[in-house]
Protein backbone atom coordinates (compact mmCIF):
# COMPACT_ATOMS: atom_id res chain seq x y z
CA UNK A 1 85.81 119.73 127.26
CA UNK A 2 88.80 120.65 125.12
CA UNK A 3 89.73 116.98 124.70
CA UNK A 4 86.27 116.09 123.35
CA UNK A 5 86.33 119.04 120.97
CA UNK A 6 89.70 117.97 119.54
CA UNK A 7 88.54 114.35 119.24
CA UNK A 8 85.43 115.44 117.34
CA UNK A 9 87.53 117.61 115.03
CA UNK A 10 89.84 114.69 114.23
CA UNK A 11 86.86 112.40 113.62
CA UNK A 12 85.42 114.98 111.22
CA UNK A 13 88.72 115.24 109.36
CA UNK A 14 88.97 111.47 109.07
CA UNK A 15 85.44 111.33 107.64
CA UNK A 16 86.25 114.11 105.18
CA UNK A 17 89.46 112.43 104.04
CA UNK A 18 87.67 109.09 103.67
CA UNK A 19 85.34 110.69 101.11
CA UNK A 20 88.24 111.81 98.92
CA UNK A 21 89.08 109.16 96.37
CA UNK A 22 92.85 109.69 96.51
CA UNK A 23 95.43 107.35 98.06
CA UNK A 24 97.11 110.16 100.01
CA UNK A 25 93.82 111.10 101.68
CA UNK A 26 93.07 107.47 102.54
CA UNK A 27 96.55 106.95 103.97
CA UNK A 28 96.45 110.12 106.01
CA UNK A 29 92.98 109.19 107.29
CA UNK A 30 94.47 105.86 108.43
CA UNK A 31 97.29 107.71 110.22
CA UNK A 32 94.77 109.93 112.01
CA UNK A 33 92.66 106.87 112.81
CA UNK A 34 95.73 105.28 114.36
CA UNK A 35 96.07 108.24 116.69
CA UNK A 36 92.43 108.08 117.80
CA UNK A 37 92.44 104.32 118.30
CA UNK A 38 95.67 104.62 120.24
CA UNK A 39 94.21 107.27 122.53
CA UNK A 40 91.19 105.04 123.12
CA UNK A 41 93.46 102.18 124.16
CA UNK A 42 92.38 100.05 121.20
CA UNK A 43 95.84 98.68 120.48
CA UNK A 44 94.84 96.11 117.85
CA UNK A 45 92.77 98.66 115.92
CA UNK A 46 95.48 101.28 116.20
CA UNK A 47 98.13 98.86 114.93
CA UNK A 48 95.91 97.94 111.97
CA UNK A 49 95.38 101.62 111.08
CA UNK A 50 99.09 102.34 111.32
CA UNK A 51 99.93 99.38 109.08
CA UNK A 52 97.34 100.68 106.56
CA UNK A 53 98.97 104.10 106.62
CA UNK A 54 102.47 102.67 106.05
CA UNK A 55 101.28 100.46 103.19
CA UNK A 56 99.33 103.29 101.56
CA UNK A 57 102.18 105.79 101.76
CA UNK A 58 104.64 103.20 100.41
CA UNK A 59 102.35 102.20 97.54
CA UNK A 60 102.05 105.74 96.28
CA UNK A 61 105.72 106.55 96.77
CA UNK A 62 105.25 109.08 99.57
CA UNK A 63 108.55 108.03 101.13
CA UNK A 64 108.74 110.68 103.85
CA UNK A 65 105.25 109.91 105.13
CA UNK A 66 105.96 106.17 104.82
CA UNK A 67 109.17 106.57 106.82
CA UNK A 68 107.46 108.58 109.54
CA UNK A 69 104.62 106.06 109.84
CA UNK A 70 107.05 103.15 109.69
CA UNK A 71 109.15 104.70 112.45
CA UNK A 72 106.03 104.99 114.61
CA UNK A 73 105.12 101.38 113.80
CA UNK A 74 108.58 100.33 114.95
CA UNK A 75 108.11 102.25 118.22
CA UNK A 76 104.78 100.53 118.83
CA UNK A 77 105.93 97.02 117.92
CA UNK A 78 109.20 97.12 119.80
CA UNK A 79 111.54 94.16 119.83
CA UNK A 80 113.92 93.36 117.01
CA UNK A 81 111.27 93.89 114.31
CA UNK A 82 110.38 97.30 115.72
CA UNK A 83 114.02 98.30 116.07
CA UNK A 84 114.67 97.32 112.45
CA UNK A 85 111.70 99.38 111.22
CA UNK A 86 112.85 102.39 113.22
CA UNK A 87 116.44 102.06 112.04
CA UNK A 88 115.42 101.80 108.37
CA UNK A 89 113.07 104.77 108.67
CA UNK A 90 115.63 106.90 110.50
CA UNK A 91 118.36 106.02 108.00
CA UNK A 92 116.13 107.04 105.10
CA UNK A 93 115.19 110.30 106.85
CA UNK A 94 118.84 111.06 107.64
CA UNK A 95 119.68 110.67 103.94
CA UNK A 96 116.96 113.22 103.22
CA UNK A 97 118.41 115.66 105.80
CA UNK A 98 115.70 115.13 108.40
CA UNK A 99 117.71 115.99 111.50
CA UNK A 100 115.18 114.91 114.12
CA UNK A 101 113.16 111.91 112.88
CA UNK A 102 111.26 111.56 116.16
CA UNK A 103 110.03 115.17 116.07
CA UNK A 104 109.21 114.99 112.36
CA UNK A 105 107.23 111.80 112.92
CA UNK A 106 105.26 113.32 115.80
CA UNK A 107 104.10 116.11 113.49
CA UNK A 108 102.26 113.70 111.19
CA UNK A 109 101.79 110.43 113.05
CA UNK A 110 100.66 110.84 116.63
CA UNK A 111 99.71 107.92 118.77
CA UNK A 112 101.00 105.48 121.32
CA UNK A 113 104.63 106.55 121.27
CA UNK A 114 103.94 110.30 121.11
């Protein structure tokens, strides 16, 4: 089916990125892994992958990717902690002229809230 084909393609991309010894590749692989784990209903695994992505993007100074992943993390966590993460991410994106943080985030970090 189409769904299985897409899943396999994402798994292949994650494996390819995992072989690249660069922080951006590792972080993006974690973001893709979050999406797959989320689709599978593995909430703990998906949360762990998303936290890895946020940390990796932040460590290397990829602020836009960090903000998008952090916004998604806030959506997933909910509550006051989640709201604070979303607000910080959206404020940063607004300062960078990102007019629709939700849409921008969906482009790169797809999962539970997408």
